[in-house]
Protein backbone atom coordinates (compact mmCIF):
# COMPACT_ATOMS: atom_id res chain seq x y z
CA UNK A 1 -21.09 -39.78 270.57
CA UNK A 2 -23.40 -38.63 267.78
CA UNK A 3 -23.03 -35.21 266.21
CA UNK A 4 -26.15 -33.04 266.32
CA UNK A 5 -28.10 -32.41 263.11
CA UNK A 6 -26.84 -29.25 261.48
CA UNK A 7 -29.27 -27.15 259.45
CA UNK A 8 -27.94 -26.12 256.04
CA UNK A 9 -28.46 -22.36 255.65
CA UNK A 10 -26.81 -21.95 252.25
CA UNK A 11 -29.01 -21.03 249.31
CA UNK A 12 -27.18 -23.38 246.92
CA UNK A 13 -25.88 -26.89 247.45
CA UNK A 14 -22.10 -27.03 247.65
CA UNK A 15 -20.17 -29.85 246.03
CA UNK A 16 -16.72 -30.97 247.12
CA UNK A 17 -14.53 -29.94 244.16
CA UNK A 18 -10.79 -29.58 244.39
CA UNK A 19 -9.41 -27.42 241.57
CA UNK A 20 -6.23 -25.40 241.32
CA UNK A 21 -6.86 -21.65 241.19
CA UNK A 22 -4.91 -18.44 241.11
CA UNK A 23 -6.38 -15.27 242.56
CA UNK A 24 -5.54 -11.62 243.10
CA UNK A 25 -7.05 -8.51 244.59
CA UNK A 26 -8.51 -6.19 241.95
CA UNK A 27 -10.48 -3.68 244.05
CA UNK A 28 -10.33 -2.69 247.71
CA UNK A 29 -11.32 0.24 249.91
CA UNK A 30 -8.13 -0.38 251.91
CA UNK A 31 -5.02 1.21 250.43
CA UNK A 32 -1.87 -0.81 249.88
CA UNK A 33 -3.58 -4.10 249.07
CA UNK A 34 -1.55 -6.95 247.61
CA UNK A 35 -2.41 -7.25 243.87
CA UNK A 36 0.02 -10.10 243.12
CA UNK A 37 -1.26 -13.47 241.90
CA UNK A 38 -1.48 -16.21 244.56
CA UNK A 39 -2.09 -19.95 244.18
CA UNK A 40 -4.54 -22.12 246.10
CA UNK A 41 -7.03 -24.96 245.68
CA UNK A 42 -10.77 -24.90 246.08
CA UNK A 43 -12.43 -26.65 248.98
CA UNK A 44 -15.97 -26.71 247.65
CA UNK A 45 -18.09 -24.79 245.17
CA UNK A 46 -21.67 -24.05 244.15
CA UNK A 47 -23.49 -21.96 241.57
CA UNK A 48 -23.24 -18.99 243.97
CA UNK A 49 -19.59 -19.18 245.01
CA UNK A 50 -16.61 -21.21 246.05
CA UNK A 51 -14.52 -21.76 249.13
CA UNK A 52 -10.73 -21.70 249.20
CA UNK A 53 -7.93 -20.98 251.65
CA UNK A 54 -5.87 -17.82 251.29
CA UNK A 55 -2.58 -16.76 252.85
CA UNK A 56 -3.68 -13.14 252.45
CA UNK A 57 -6.46 -11.64 254.63
CA UNK A 58 -9.20 -9.88 252.65
CA UNK A 59 -12.04 -7.57 253.66
CA UNK A 60 -15.76 -8.08 253.05
CA UNK A 61 -16.02 -5.60 250.12
CA UNK A 62 -12.77 -6.62 248.38
CA UNK A 63 -13.10 -7.81 244.79
CA UNK A 64 -10.94 -10.75 243.70
CA UNK A 65 -10.15 -12.03 240.24
CA UNK A 66 -10.04 -15.83 240.08
CA UNK A 67 -8.68 -18.12 237.38
CA UNK A 68 -8.95 -21.89 237.29
CA UNK A 69 -5.54 -23.45 236.71
CA UNK A 70 -5.84 -26.43 234.35
CA UNK A 71 -2.85 -28.66 233.73
CA UNK A 72 -2.15 -30.27 230.36
């Protein structure tokens, strides 16, 4: 079975890039947010953003600080 053609709606092309990152919440309208550093890896990235999985749920207006973790 063939998959249907999917139309790309993103404004920037995303490239598959797997990098280690650490991230934390720096600003939220919800009180009691978790500001500890967490580790993850990127799924893909573009000039307008990146995708990664998080164990912590965030809200649309939350601001996160991200750092790329480089070994060596």
